[in-house]
Amino acid sequence: MFGLSLGSLAWKAAPWLAILMLCGVLWGVWGWKEAAEAAQLRAEEQLAVAVRVNKDNEVARLKLERQLEADRRLSAAEIEAANLRKKSVDTIKKEHRVAPDSNDPISNYDLDHFDRLRQP
């Protein structure tokens, strides 16, 4: 047919087939490169988000540590103030204690005596 044999047709089409296959390989490699770049961009974005979250967590941890230290100092100051108030109340009670009269018989069983000692 038209003087072309199958062998000669294959020899004529072989370079074009090779060029088409090379174009297909290049197109595939280019697609893989685009996919790899997109994956790298996604990974960089995720890393940026993770770094930002880590910084936020670090700031929150530092704020919490400062708040805990402030609470610790405040509670220590409150305990010290309470101890001072207790000491002052005890001192006031001791200073204003009513002593029993000299005419009262003092005995261990005299409840009135102990009541008067407790009076402010």
PDB file of N, CA and C in Angstrom:
ATOM      1  N   MET A   1       0.825  -1.172   0.000  1.00  0.00           N
ATOM      2  CA  MET A   1       0.000   0.000   0.000  1.00  0.00           C
ATOM      3  C   MET A   1       0.874   1.241   0.000  1.00  0.00           C
ATOM      4  N   PHE A   2       0.704   2.003  -0.968  1.00  0.00           N
ATOM      5  CA  PHE A   2       1.428   3.253  -1.196  1.00  0.00           C
ATOM      6  C   PHE A   2       2.931   3.049  -1.102  1.00  0.00           C
ATOM      7  N   GLY A   3       3.390   1.870  -1.229  1.00  0.00           N
ATOM      8  CA  GLY A   3       4.814   1.587  -1.242  1.00  0.00           C
ATOM      9  C   GLY A   3       5.447   1.663   0.142  1.00  0.00           C
ATOM     10  N   LEU A   4       4.673   1.626   1.206  1.00  0.00           N
ATOM     11  CA  LEU A   4       5.227   1.676   2.561  1.00  0.00           C
ATOM     12  C   LEU A   4       5.022   0.323   3.220  1.00  0.00           C
ATOM     13  N   SER A   5       6.047  -0.123   3.781  1.00  0.00           N
ATOM     14  CA  SER A   5       5.920  -1.360   4.540  1.00  0.00           C
ATOM     15  C   SER A   5       5.834  -1.019   6.023  1.00  0.00           C
ATOM     16  N   LEU A   6       5.450  -1.991   6.766  1.00  0.00           N
ATOM     17  CA  LEU A   6       5.301  -1.777   8.211  1.00  0.00           C
ATOM     18  C   LEU A   6       6.635  -1.437   8.848  1.00  0.00           C
ATOM     19  N   GLY A   7       7.696  -2.011   8.382  1.00  0.00           N
ATOM     20  CA  GLY A   7       9.029  -1.738   8.925  1.00  0.00           C
ATOM     21  C   GLY A   7       9.459  -0.314   8.662  1.00  0.00           C
ATOM     22  N   SER A   8       9.232   0.170   7.445  1.00  0.00           N
ATOM     23  CA  SER A   8       9.641   1.536   7.139  1.00  0.00           C
ATOM     24  C   SER A   8       8.772   2.541   7.882  1.00  0.00           C
ATOM     25  N   LEU A   9       7.515   2.193   8.079  1.00  0.00           N
ATOM     26  CA  LEU A   9       6.618   3.074   8.836  1.00  0.00           C
ATOM     27  C   LEU A   9       7.060   3.168  10.298  1.00  0.00           C
ATOM     28  N   ALA A  10       7.489   2.075  10.852  1.00  0.00           N
ATOM     29  CA  ALA A  10       7.970   2.072  12.241  1.00  0.00           C
ATOM     30  C   ALA A  10       9.220   2.918  12.368  1.00  0.00           C
ATOM     31  N   TRP A  11      10.120   2.821  11.344  1.00  0.00           N
ATOM     32  CA  TRP A  11      11.331   3.618  11.402  1.00  0.00           C
ATOM     33  C   TRP A  11      11.032   5.101  11.273  1.00  0.00           C
ATOM     34  N   LYS A  12      10.016   5.446  10.550  1.00  0.00           N
ATOM     35  CA  LYS A  12       9.650   6.851  10.416  1.00  0.00           C
ATOM     36  C   LYS A  12       8.935   7.360  11.665  1.00  0.00           C
ATOM     37  N   ALA A  13       8.180   6.514  12.327  1.00  0.00           N
ATOM     38  CA  ALA A  13       7.419   6.935  13.505  1.00  0.00           C
ATOM     39  C   ALA A  13       8.243   6.863  14.792  1.00  0.00           C
ATOM     40  N   ALA A  14       9.320   6.108  14.786  1.00  0.00           N
ATOM     41  CA  ALA A  14      10.121   5.909  16.001  1.00  0.00           C
ATOM     42  C   ALA A  14      10.645   7.222  16.587  1.00  0.00           C
ATOM     43  N   PRO A  15      11.217   8.132  15.784  1.00  0.00           N
ATOM     44  CA  PRO A  15      11.684   9.387  16.389  1.00  0.00           C
ATOM     45  C   PRO A  15      10.542  10.196  17.016  1.00  0.00           C
ATOM     46  N   TRP A  16       9.387  10.191  16.339  1.00  0.00           N
ATOM     47  CA  TRP A  16       8.250  10.936  16.884  1.00  0.00           C
ATOM     48  C   TRP A  16       7.739  10.287  18.168  1.00  0.00           C
ATOM     49  N   LEU A  17       7.741   8.976  18.199  1.00  0.00           N
ATOM     50  CA  LEU A  17       7.338   8.279  19.430  1.00  0.00           C
ATOM     51  C   LEU A  17       8.323   8.566  20.560  1.00  0.00           C
ATOM     52  N   ALA A  18       9.612   8.599  20.236  1.00  0.00           N
ATOM     53  CA  ALA A  18      10.622   8.907  21.251  1.00  0.00           C
ATOM     54  C   ALA A  18      10.440  10.332  21.765  1.00  0.00           C
ATOM     55  N   ILE A  19      10.165  11.258  20.848  1.00  0.00           N
ATOM     56  CA  ILE A  19       9.935  12.653  21.254  1.00  0.00           C
ATOM     57  C   ILE A  19       8.688  12.745  22.126  1.00  0.00           C
ATOM     58  N   LEU A  20       7.611  12.047  21.742  1.00  0.00           N
ATOM     59  CA  LEU A  20       6.386  12.050  22.552  1.00  0.00           C
ATOM     60  C   LEU A  20       6.627  11.443  23.934  1.00  0.00           C
ATOM     61  N   MET A  21       7.400  10.359  23.986  1.00  0.00           N
ATOM     62  CA  MET A  21       7.701   9.739  25.281  1.00  0.00           C
ATOM     63  C   MET A  21       8.548  10.677  26.137  1.00  0.00           C
ATOM     64  N   LEU A  22       9.521  11.344  25.523  1.00  0.00           N
ATOM     65  CA  LEU A  22      10.348  12.301  26.257  1.00  0.00           C
ATOM     66  C   LEU A  22       9.500  13.458  26.782  1.00  0.00           C
ATOM     67  N   CYS A  23       8.573  13.943  25.950  1.00  0.00           N
ATOM     68  CA  CYS A  23       7.661  15.009  26.407  1.00  0.00           C
ATOM     69  C   CYS A  23       6.805  14.517  27.573  1.00  0.00           C
ATOM     70  N   GLY A  24       6.334  13.285  27.492  1.00  0.00           N
ATOM     71  CA  GLY A  24       5.540  12.720  28.587  1.00  0.00           C
ATOM     72  C   GLY A  24       6.338  12.621  29.876  1.00  0.00           C
ATOM     73  N   VAL A  25       7.602  12.192  29.757  1.00  0.00           N
ATOM     74  CA  VAL A  25       8.475  12.105  30.940  1.00  0.00           C
ATOM     75  C   VAL A  25       8.708  13.493  31.516  1.00  0.00           C
ATOM     76  N   LEU A  26       9.011  14.471  30.647  1.00  0.00           N
ATOM     77  CA  LEU A  26       9.233  15.841  31.128  1.00  0.00           C
ATOM     78  C   LEU A  26       7.979  16.409  31.789  1.00  0.00           C
ATOM     79  N   TRP A  27       6.819  16.135  31.176  1.00  0.00           N
ATOM     80  CA  TRP A  27       5.563  16.622  31.752  1.00  0.00           C
ATOM     81  C   TRP A  27       5.320  15.973  33.122  1.00  0.00           C
ATOM     82  N   GLY A  28       5.605  14.679  33.246  1.00  0.00           N
ATOM     83  CA  GLY A  28       5.453  13.985  34.528  1.00  0.00           C
ATOM     84  C   GLY A  28       6.404  14.513  35.582  1.00  0.00           C
ATOM     85  N   VAL A  29       7.674  14.731  35.180  1.00  0.00           N
ATOM     86  CA  VAL A  29       8.662  15.265  36.126  1.00  0.00           C
ATOM     87  C   VAL A  29       8.257  16.662  36.569  1.00  0.00           C
ATOM     88  N   TRP A  30       7.755  17.468  35.623  1.00  0.00           N
ATOM     89  CA  TRP A  30       7.325  18.817  35.964  1.00  0.00           C
ATOM     90  C   TRP A  30       6.150  18.755  36.944  1.00  0.00           C
ATOM     91  N   GLY A  31       5.214  17.847  36.724  1.00  0.00           N
ATOM     92  CA  GLY A  31       4.088  17.682  37.645  1.00  0.00           C
ATOM     93  C   GLY A  31       4.546  17.234  39.025  1.00  0.00           C
ATOM     94  N   TRP A  32       5.507  16.302  39.062  1.00  0.00           N
ATOM     95  CA  TRP A  32       6.035  15.859  40.352  1.00  0.00           C
ATOM     96  C   TRP A  32       6.748  17.001  41.066  1.00  0.00           C
ATOM     97  N   LYS A  33       7.470  17.825  40.262  1.00  0.00           N
ATOM     98  CA  LYS A  33       8.171  18.973  40.852  1.00  0.00           C
ATOM     99  C   LYS A  33       7.158  19.952  41.454  1.00  0.00           C
ATOM    100  N   GLU A  34       6.088  20.225  40.722  1.00  0.00           N
ATOM    101  CA  GLU A  34       5.039  21.120  41.232  1.00  0.00           C
ATOM    102  C   GLU A  34       4.414  20.546  42.506  1.00  0.00           C
ATOM    103  N   ALA A  35       4.150  19.241  42.501  1.00  0.00           N
ATOM    104  CA  ALA A  35       3.564  18.603  43.682  1.00  0.00           C
ATOM    105  C   ALA A  35       4.527  18.673  44.861  1.00  0.00           C
ATOM    106  N   ALA A  36       5.823  18.472  44.597  1.00  0.00           N
ATOM    107  CA  ALA A  36       6.822  18.546  45.670  1.00  0.00           C
ATOM    108  C   ALA A  36       6.919  19.966  46.219  1.00  0.00           C
ATOM    109  N   GLU A  37       6.873  20.969  45.329  1.00  0.00           N
ATOM    110  CA  GLU A  37       6.921  22.363  45.790  1.00  0.00           C
ATOM    111  C   GLU A  37       5.685  22.705  46.610  1.00  0.00           C
ATOM    112  N   ALA A  38       4.521  22.220  46.174  1.00  0.00           N
ATOM    113  CA  ALA A  38       3.291  22.473  46.935  1.00  0.00           C
ATOM    114  C   ALA A  38       3.364  21.795  48.302  1.00  0.00           C
ATOM    115  N   ALA A  39       3.900  20.579  48.348  1.00  0.00           N
ATOM    116  CA  ALA A  39       4.049  19.880  49.630  1.00  0.00           C
ATOM    117  C   ALA A  39       5.033  20.614  50.529  1.00  0.00           C
ATOM    118  N   GLN A  40       6.109  21.151  49.931  1.00  0.00           N
ATOM    119  CA  GLN A  40       7.078  21.906  50.715  1.00  0.00           C
ATOM    120  C   GLN A  40       6.444  23.181  51.270  1.00  0.00           C
ATOM    121  N   LEU A  41       5.635  23.871  50.467  1.00  0.00           N
ATOM    122  CA  LEU A  41       4.947  25.076  50.949  1.00  0.00           C
ATOM    123  C   LEU A  41       4.003  24.742  52.103  1.00  0.00           C
ATOM    124  N   ARG A  42       3.253  23.634  51.957  1.00  0.00           N
ATOM    125  CA  ARG A  42       2.358  23.221  53.040  1.00  0.00           C
ATOM    126  C   ARG A  42       3.146  22.902  54.306  1.00  0.00           C
ATOM    127  N   ALA A  43       4.283  22.218  54.136  1.00  0.00           N
ATOM    128  CA  ALA A  43       5.119  21.880  55.294  1.00  0.00           C
ATOM    129  C   ALA A  43       5.672  23.138  55.953  1.00  0.00           C
ATOM    130  N   GLU A  44       6.090  24.121  55.144  1.00  0.00           N
ATOM    131  CA  GLU A  44       6.601  25.375  55.705  1.00  0.00           C
ATOM    132  C   GLU A  44       5.503  26.134  56.441  1.00  0.00           C
ATOM    133  N   GLU A  45       4.292  26.139  55.888  1.00  0.00           N
ATOM    134  CA  GLU A  45       3.170  26.796  56.565  1.00  0.00           C
ATOM    135  C   GLU A  45       2.857  26.100  57.884  1.00  0.00           C
ATOM    136  N   GLN A  46       2.854  24.767  57.870  1.00  0.00           N
ATOM    137  CA  GLN A  46       2.591  24.029  59.103  1.00  0.00           C
ATOM    138  C   GLN A  46       3.682  24.283  60.129  1.00  0.00           C
ATOM    139  N   LEU A  47       4.931  24.375  59.666  1.00  0.00           N
ATOM    140  CA  LEU A  47       6.033  24.676  60.572  1.00  0.00           C
ATOM    141  C   LEU A  47       5.878  26.074  61.164  1.00  0.00           C
ATOM    142  N   ALA A  48       5.482  27.041  60.336  1.00  0.00           N
ATOM    143  CA  ALA A  48       5.273  28.405  60.832  1.00  0.00           C
ATOM    144  C   ALA A  48       4.157  28.431  61.871  1.00  0.00           C
ATOM    145  N   VAL A  49       3.082  27.693  61.611  1.00  0.00           N
ATOM    146  CA  VAL A  49       1.984  27.626  62.581  1.00  0.00           C
ATOM    147  C   VAL A  49       2.465  26.970  63.869  1.00  0.00           C
ATOM    148  N   ALA A  50       3.240  25.892  63.741  1.00  0.00           N
ATOM    149  CA  ALA A  50       3.745  25.201  64.929  1.00  0.00           C
ATOM    150  C   ALA A  50       4.673  26.102  65.734  1.00  0.00           C
ATOM    151  N   VAL A  51       5.522  26.868  65.045  1.00  0.00           N
ATOM    152  CA  VAL A  51       6.423  27.790  65.745  1.00  0.00           C
ATOM    153  C   VAL A  51       5.619  28.867  66.456  1.00  0.00           C
ATOM    154  N   ARG A  52       4.586  29.397  65.777  1.00  0.00           N
ATOM    155  CA  ARG A  52       3.750  30.429  66.389  1.00  0.00           C
ATOM    156  C   ARG A  52       3.015  29.874  67.609  1.00  0.00           C
ATOM    157  N   VAL A  53       2.479  28.665  67.486  1.00  0.00           N
ATOM    158  CA  VAL A  53       1.786  28.037  68.616  1.00  0.00           C
ATOM    159  C   VAL A  53       2.763  27.777  69.752  1.00  0.00           C
ATOM    160  N   ASN A  54       3.980  27.339  69.407  1.00  0.00           N
ATOM    161  CA  ASN A  54       4.989  27.086  70.431  1.00  0.00           C
ATOM    162  C   ASN A  54       5.346  28.375  71.162  1.00  0.00           C
ATOM    163  N   LYS A  55       5.493  29.479  70.411  1.00  0.00           N
ATOM    164  CA  LYS A  55       5.784  30.769  71.047  1.00  0.00           C
ATOM    165  C   LYS A  55       4.626  31.192  71.941  1.00  0.00           C
ATOM    166  N   ASP A  56       3.392  31.010  71.456  1.00  0.00           N
ATOM    167  CA  ASP A  56       2.225  31.358  72.268  1.00  0.00           C
ATOM    168  C   ASP A  56       2.191  30.521  73.540  1.00  0.00           C
ATOM    169  N   ASN A  57       2.497  29.229  73.405  1.00  0.00           N
ATOM    170  CA  ASN A  57       2.521  28.364  74.584  1.00  0.00           C
ATOM    171  C   ASN A  57       3.620  28.782  75.549  1.00  0.00           C
ATOM    172  N   GLU A  58       4.772  29.168  75.013  1.00  0.00           N
ATOM    173  CA  GLU A  58       5.877  29.607  75.865  1.00  0.00           C
ATOM    174  C   GLU A  58       5.501  30.893  76.604  1.00  0.00           C
ATOM    175  N   VAL A  59       4.870  31.827  75.890  1.00  0.00           N
ATOM    176  CA  VAL A  59       4.427  33.070  76.529  1.00  0.00           C
ATOM    177  C   VAL A  59       3.395  32.765  77.609  1.00  0.00           C
ATOM    178  N   ALA A  60       2.460  31.882  77.306  1.00  0.00           N
ATOM    179  CA  ALA A  60       1.440  31.513  78.294  1.00  0.00           C
ATOM    180  C   ALA A  60       2.078  30.838  79.499  1.00  0.00           C
ATOM    181  N   ARG A  61       3.085  29.986  79.261  1.00  0.00           N
ATOM    182  CA  ARG A  61       3.762  29.311  80.372  1.00  0.00           C
ATOM    183  C   ARG A  61       4.500  30.329  81.241  1.00  0.00           C
ATOM    184  N   LEU A  62       5.174  31.288  80.602  1.00  0.00           N
ATOM    185  CA  LEU A  62       5.881  32.315  81.370  1.00  0.00           C
ATOM    186  C   LEU A  62       4.905  33.167  82.179  1.00  0.00           C
ATOM    187  N   LYS A  63       3.762  33.525  81.562  1.00  0.00           N
ATOM    188  CA  LYS A  63       2.757  34.296  82.296  1.00  0.00           C
ATOM    189  C   LYS A  63       2.238  33.503  83.484  1.00  0.00           C
ATOM    190  N   LEU A  64       2.003  32.205  83.273  1.00  0.00           N
ATOM    191  CA  LEU A  64       1.512  31.360  84.356  1.00  0.00           C
ATOM    192  C   LEU A  64       2.546  31.247  85.467  1.00  0.00           C
ATOM    193  N   GLU A  65       3.828  31.098  85.099  1.00  0.00           N
ATOM    194  CA  GLU A  65       4.878  31.033  86.120  1.00  0.00           C
ATOM    195  C   GLU A  65       4.945  32.336  86.909  1.00  0.00           C
ATOM    196  N   ARG A  66       4.848  33.460  86.215  1.00  0.00           N
ATOM    197  CA  ARG A  66       4.866  34.751  86.921  1.00  0.00           C
ATOM    198  C   ARG A  66       3.667  34.887  87.846  1.00  0.00           C
ATOM    199  N   GLN A  67       2.497  34.455  87.362  1.00  0.00           N
ATOM    200  CA  GLN A  67       1.290  34.531  88.188  1.00  0.00           C
ATOM    201  C   GLN A  67       1.424  33.629  89.410  1.00  0.00           C
ATOM    202  N   LEU A  68       1.968  32.424  89.220  1.00  0.00           N
ATOM    203  CA  LEU A  68       2.157  31.515  90.351  1.00  0.00           C
ATOM    204  C   LEU A  68       3.136  32.100  91.361  1.00  0.00           C
ATOM    205  N   GLU A  69       4.217  32.717  90.863  1.00  0.00           N
ATOM    206  CA  GLU A  69       5.183  33.335  91.770  1.00  0.00           C
ATOM    207  C   GLU A  69       4.540  34.498  92.529  1.00  0.00           C
ATOM    208  N   ALA A  70       3.738  35.295  91.828  1.00  0.00           N
ATOM    209  CA  ALA A  70       3.038  36.401  92.497  1.00  0.00           C
ATOM    210  C   ALA A  70       2.055  35.864  93.532  1.00  0.00           C
ATOM    211  N   ASP A  71       1.335  34.797  93.181  1.00  0.00           N
ATOM    212  CA  ASP A  71       0.410  34.189  94.144  1.00  0.00           C
ATOM    213  C   ASP A  71       1.161  33.637  95.344  1.00  0.00           C
ATOM    214  N   ARG A  72       2.327  33.021  95.087  1.00  0.00           N
ATOM    215  CA  ARG A  72       3.131  32.479  96.184  1.00  0.00           C
ATOM    216  C   ARG A  72       3.580  33.601  97.116  1.00  0.00           C
ATOM    217  N   ARG A  73       4.045  34.703  96.530  1.00  0.00           N
ATOM    218  CA  ARG A  73       4.483  35.835  97.359  1.00  0.00           C
ATOM    219  C   ARG A  73       3.312  36.425  98.138  1.00  0.00           C
ATOM    220  N   LEU A  74       2.163  36.557  97.461  1.00  0.00           N
ATOM    221  CA  LEU A  74       0.987  37.107  98.127  1.00  0.00           C
ATOM    222  C   LEU A  74       0.541  36.214  99.274  1.00  0.00           C
ATOM    223  N   SER A  75       0.519  34.901  99.049  1.00  0.00           N
ATOM    224  CA  SER A  75       0.084  34.004 100.120  1.00  0.00           C
ATOM    225  C   SER A  75       1.086  34.024 101.269  1.00  0.00           C
ATOM    226  N   ALA A  76       2.387  34.127 100.956  1.00  0.00           N
ATOM    227  CA  ALA A  76       3.384  34.220 102.021  1.00  0.00           C
ATOM    228  C   ALA A  76       3.186  35.510 102.818  1.00  0.00           C
ATOM    229  N   ALA A  77       2.901  36.606 102.115  1.00  0.00           N
ATOM    230  CA  ALA A  77       2.658  37.876 102.810  1.00  0.00           C
ATOM    231  C   ALA A  77       1.387  37.796 103.651  1.00  0.00           C
ATOM    232  N   GLU A  78       0.355  37.140 103.116  1.00  0.00           N
ATOM    233  CA  GLU A  78      -0.884  37.000 103.886  1.00  0.00           C
ATOM    234  C   GLU A  78      -0.671  36.126 105.115  1.00  0.00           C
ATOM    235  N   ILE A  79       0.104  35.056 104.978  1.00  0.00           N
ATOM    236  CA  ILE A  79       0.391  34.196 106.134  1.00  0.00           C
ATOM    237  C   ILE A  79       1.181  34.968 107.173  1.00  0.00           C
ATOM    238  N   GLU A  80       2.167  35.750 106.707  1.00  0.00           N
ATOM    239  CA  GLU A  80       2.958  36.542 107.651  1.00  0.00           C
ATOM    240  C   GLU A  80       2.084  37.582 108.355  1.00  0.00           C
ATOM    241  N   ALA A  81       1.197  38.232 107.604  1.00  0.00           N
ATOM    242  CA  ALA A  81       0.297  39.217 108.217  1.00  0.00           C
ATOM    243  C   ALA A  81      -0.644  38.542 109.205  1.00  0.00           C
ATOM    244  N   ALA A  82      -1.129  37.358 108.860  1.00  0.00           N
ATOM    245  CA  ALA A  82      -2.009  36.634 109.782  1.00  0.00           C
ATOM    246  C   ALA A  82      -1.262  36.244 111.047  1.00  0.00           C
ATOM    247  N   ASN A  83      -0.010  35.821 110.894  1.00  0.00           N
ATOM    248  CA  ASN A  83       0.787  35.485 112.080  1.00  0.00           C
ATOM    249  C   ASN A  83       1.020  36.713 112.948  1.00  0.00           C
ATOM    250  N   LEU A  84       1.288  37.864 112.306  1.00  0.00           N
ATOM    251  CA  LEU A  84       1.473  39.095 113.082  1.00  0.00           C
ATOM    252  C   LEU A  84       0.187  39.488 113.799  1.00  0.00           C
ATOM    253  N   ARG A  85      -0.963  39.346 113.097  1.00  0.00           N
ATOM    254  CA  ARG A  85      -2.239  39.651 113.752  1.00  0.00           C
ATOM    255  C   ARG A  85      -2.484  38.715 114.923  1.00  0.00           C
ATOM    256  N   LYS A  86      -2.169  37.441 114.744  1.00  0.00           N
ATOM    257  CA  LYS A  86      -2.376  36.469 115.822  1.00  0.00           C
ATOM    258  C   LYS A  86      -1.487  36.813 117.006  1.00  0.00           C
ATOM    259  N   LYS A  87      -0.219  37.158 116.716  1.00  0.00           N
ATOM    260  CA  LYS A  87       0.687  37.529 117.795  1.00  0.00           C
ATOM    261  C   LYS A  87       0.178  38.772 118.511  1.00  0.00           C
ATOM    262  N   SER A  88      -0.291  39.739 117.732  1.00  0.00           N
ATOM    263  CA  SER A  88      -0.762  40.964 118.375  1.00  0.00           C
ATOM    264  C   SER A  88      -2.025  40.694 119.185  1.00  0.00           C
ATOM    265  N   VAL A  89      -2.913  39.835 118.694  1.00  0.00           N
ATOM    266  CA  VAL A  89      -4.118  39.501 119.456  1.00  0.00           C
ATOM    267  C   VAL A  89      -3.741  38.763 120.727  1.00  0.00           C
ATOM    268  N   ASP A  90      -2.791  37.818 120.623  1.00  0.00           N
ATOM    269  CA  ASP A  90      -2.343  37.096 121.819  1.00  0.00           C
ATOM    270  C   ASP A  90      -1.688  38.046 122.811  1.00  0.00           C
ATOM    271  N   THR A  91      -0.883  38.974 122.297  1.00  0.00           N
ATOM    272  CA  THR A  91      -0.228  39.947 123.179  1.00  0.00           C
ATOM    273  C   THR A  91      -1.263  40.827 123.861  1.00  0.00           C
ATOM    274  N   ILE A  92      -2.246  41.286 123.097  1.00  0.00           N
ATOM    275  CA  ILE A  92      -3.297  42.124 123.680  1.00  0.00           C
ATOM    276  C   ILE A  92      -4.060  41.352 124.747  1.00  0.00           C
ATOM    277  N   LYS A  93      -4.366  40.108 124.478  1.00  0.00           N
ATOM    278  CA  LYS A  93      -5.087  39.302 125.463  1.00  0.00           C
ATOM    279  C   LYS A  93      -4.257  39.125 126.728  1.00  0.00           C
ATOM    280  N   LYS A  94      -2.951  38.905 126.551  1.00  0.00           N
ATOM    281  CA  LYS A  94      -2.097  38.725 127.724  1.00  0.00           C
ATOM    282  C   LYS A  94      -1.973  40.024 128.512  1.00  0.00           C
ATOM    283  N   GLU A  95      -1.870  41.143 127.826  1.00  0.00           N
ATOM    284  CA  GLU A  95      -1.694  42.418 128.516  1.00  0.00           C
ATOM    285  C   GLU A  95      -2.964  42.860 129.225  1.00  0.00           C
ATOM    286  N   HIS A  96      -4.126  42.556 128.671  1.00  0.00           N
ATOM    287  CA  HIS A  96      -5.379  43.012 129.254  1.00  0.00           C
ATOM    288  C   HIS A  96      -6.100  41.926 130.035  1.00  0.00           C
ATOM    289  N   ARG A  97      -5.363  40.916 130.407  1.00  0.00           N
ATOM    290  CA  ARG A  97      -5.970  39.837 131.163  1.00  0.00           C
ATOM    291  C   ARG A  97      -6.333  40.349 132.556  1.00  0.00           C
ATOM    292  N   VAL A  98      -7.488  39.963 132.994  1.00  0.00           N
ATOM    293  CA  VAL A  98      -7.945  40.388 134.325  1.00  0.00           C
ATOM    294  C   VAL A  98      -7.434  39.374 135.347  1.00  0.00           C
ATOM    295  N   ALA A  99      -6.650  39.864 136.262  1.00  0.00           N
ATOM    296  CA  ALA A  99      -6.110  38.982 137.302  1.00  0.00           C
ATOM    297  C   ALA A  99      -7.176  38.743 138.368  1.00  0.00           C
ATOM    298  N   PRO A 100      -7.140  37.597 138.999  1.00  0.00           N
ATOM    299  CA  PRO A 100      -8.116  37.341 140.066  1.00  0.00           C
ATOM    300  C   PRO A 100      -7.866  38.267 141.260  1.00  0.00           C
ATOM    301  N   ASP A 101      -8.921  38.542 141.967  1.00  0.00           N
ATOM    302  CA  ASP A 101      -8.779  39.365 143.180  1.00  0.00           C
ATOM    303  C   ASP A 101      -7.956  38.603 144.205  1.00  0.00           C
ATOM    304  N   SER A 102      -7.305  39.363 145.053  1.00  0.00           N
ATOM    305  CA  SER A 102      -6.482  38.718 146.077  1.00  0.00           C
ATOM    306  C   SER A 102      -7.338  37.983 147.099  1.00  0.00           C
ATOM    307  N   ASN A 103      -8.604  38.357 147.235  1.00  0.00           N
ATOM    308  CA  ASN A 103      -9.475  37.699 148.210  1.00  0.00           C
ATOM    309  C   ASN A 103     -10.090  36.411 147.673  1.00  0.00           C
ATOM    310  N   ASP A 104     -10.004  36.215 146.373  1.00  0.00           N
ATOM    311  CA  ASP A 104     -10.600  35.009 145.799  1.00  0.00           C
ATOM    312  C   ASP A 104      -9.747  33.796 146.138  1.00  0.00           C
ATOM    313  N   PRO A 105     -10.407  32.749 146.538  1.00  0.00           N
ATOM    314  CA  PRO A 105      -9.634  31.523 146.746  1.00  0.00           C
ATOM    315  C   PRO A 105      -9.250  30.939 145.375  1.00  0.00           C
ATOM    316  N   ILE A 106      -7.985  30.679 145.217  1.00  0.00           N
ATOM    317  CA  ILE A 106      -7.518  30.159 143.935  1.00  0.00           C
ATOM    318  C   ILE A 106      -7.342  28.653 144.067  1.00  0.00           C
ATOM    319  N   SER A 107      -7.994  27.952 143.160  1.00  0.00           N
ATOM    320  CA  SER A 107      -7.833  26.500 143.118  1.00  0.00           C
ATOM    321  C   SER A 107      -7.858  26.073 141.651  1.00  0.00           C
ATOM    322  N   ASN A 108      -7.395  24.871 141.437  1.00  0.00           N
ATOM    323  CA  ASN A 108      -7.386  24.372 140.065  1.00  0.00           C
ATOM    324  C   ASN A 108      -8.788  24.176 139.534  1.00  0.00           C
ATOM    325  N   TYR A 109      -9.740  24.073 140.427  1.00  0.00           N
ATOM    326  CA  TYR A 109     -11.112  23.789 140.019  1.00  0.00           C
ATOM    327  C   TYR A 109     -11.973  25.043 139.959  1.00  0.00           C
ATOM    328  N   ASP A 110     -11.379  26.184 140.140  1.00  0.00           N
ATOM    329  CA  ASP A 110     -12.124  27.427 140.135  1.00  0.00           C
ATOM    330  C   ASP A 110     -12.327  27.867 138.681  1.00  0.00           C
ATOM    331  N   LEU A 111     -13.476  27.539 138.095  1.00  0.00           N
ATOM    332  CA  LEU A 111     -13.737  27.850 136.690  1.00  0.00           C
ATOM    333  C   LEU A 111     -13.858  29.344 136.448  1.00  0.00           C
ATOM    334  N   ASP A 112     -14.355  30.052 137.446  1.00  0.00           N
ATOM    335  CA  ASP A 112     -14.476  31.500 137.301  1.00  0.00           C
ATOM    336  C   ASP A 112     -13.105  32.135 137.111  1.00  0.00           C
ATOM    337  N   HIS A 113     -12.122  31.611 137.810  1.00  0.00           N
ATOM    338  CA  HIS A 113     -10.756  32.119 137.681  1.00  0.00           C
ATOM    339  C   HIS A 113     -10.272  31.970 136.235  1.00  0.00           C
ATOM    340  N   PHE A 114     -10.494  30.819 135.642  1.00  0.00           N
ATOM    341  CA  PHE A 114     -10.054  30.604 134.264  1.00  0.00           C
ATOM    342  C   PHE A 114     -10.864  31.446 133.285  1.00  0.00           C
ATOM    343  N   ASP A 115     -12.150  31.651 133.598  1.00  0.00           N
ATOM    344  CA  ASP A 115     -12.957  32.525 132.740  1.00  0.00           C
ATOM    345  C   ASP A 115     -12.421  33.946 132.780  1.00  0.00           C
ATOM    346  N   ARG A 116     -12.049  34.411 133.966  1.00  0.00           N
ATOM    347  CA  ARG A 116     -11.518  35.762 134.076  1.00  0.00           C
ATOM    348  C   ARG A 116     -10.163  35.885 133.385  1.00  0.00           C
ATOM    349  N   LEU A 117      -9.386  34.819 133.371  1.00  0.00           N
ATOM    350  CA  LEU A 117      -8.107  34.864 132.657  1.00  0.00           C
ATOM    351  C   LEU A 117      -8.314  34.981 131.145  1.00  0.00           C
ATOM    352  N   ARG A 118      -9.409  34.427 130.683  1.00  0.00           N
ATOM    353  CA  ARG A 118      -9.679  34.460 129.244  1.00  0.00           C
ATOM    354  C   ARG A 118     -10.327  35.769 128.800  1.00  0.00           C
ATOM    355  N   GLN A 119     -10.823  36.551 129.753  1.00  0.00           N
ATOM    356  CA  GLN A 119     -11.511  37.793 129.379  1.00  0.00           C
ATOM    357  C   GLN A 119     -10.507  38.810 128.846  1.00  0.00           C
ATOM    358  N   PRO A 120     -10.938  39.582 127.858  1.00  0.00           N
ATOM    359  CA  PRO A 120     -10.032  40.618 127.332  1.00  0.00           C
ATOM    360  C   PRO A 120      -9.927  41.803 128.271  1.00  0.00           C
TER     361      PRO A 120
END
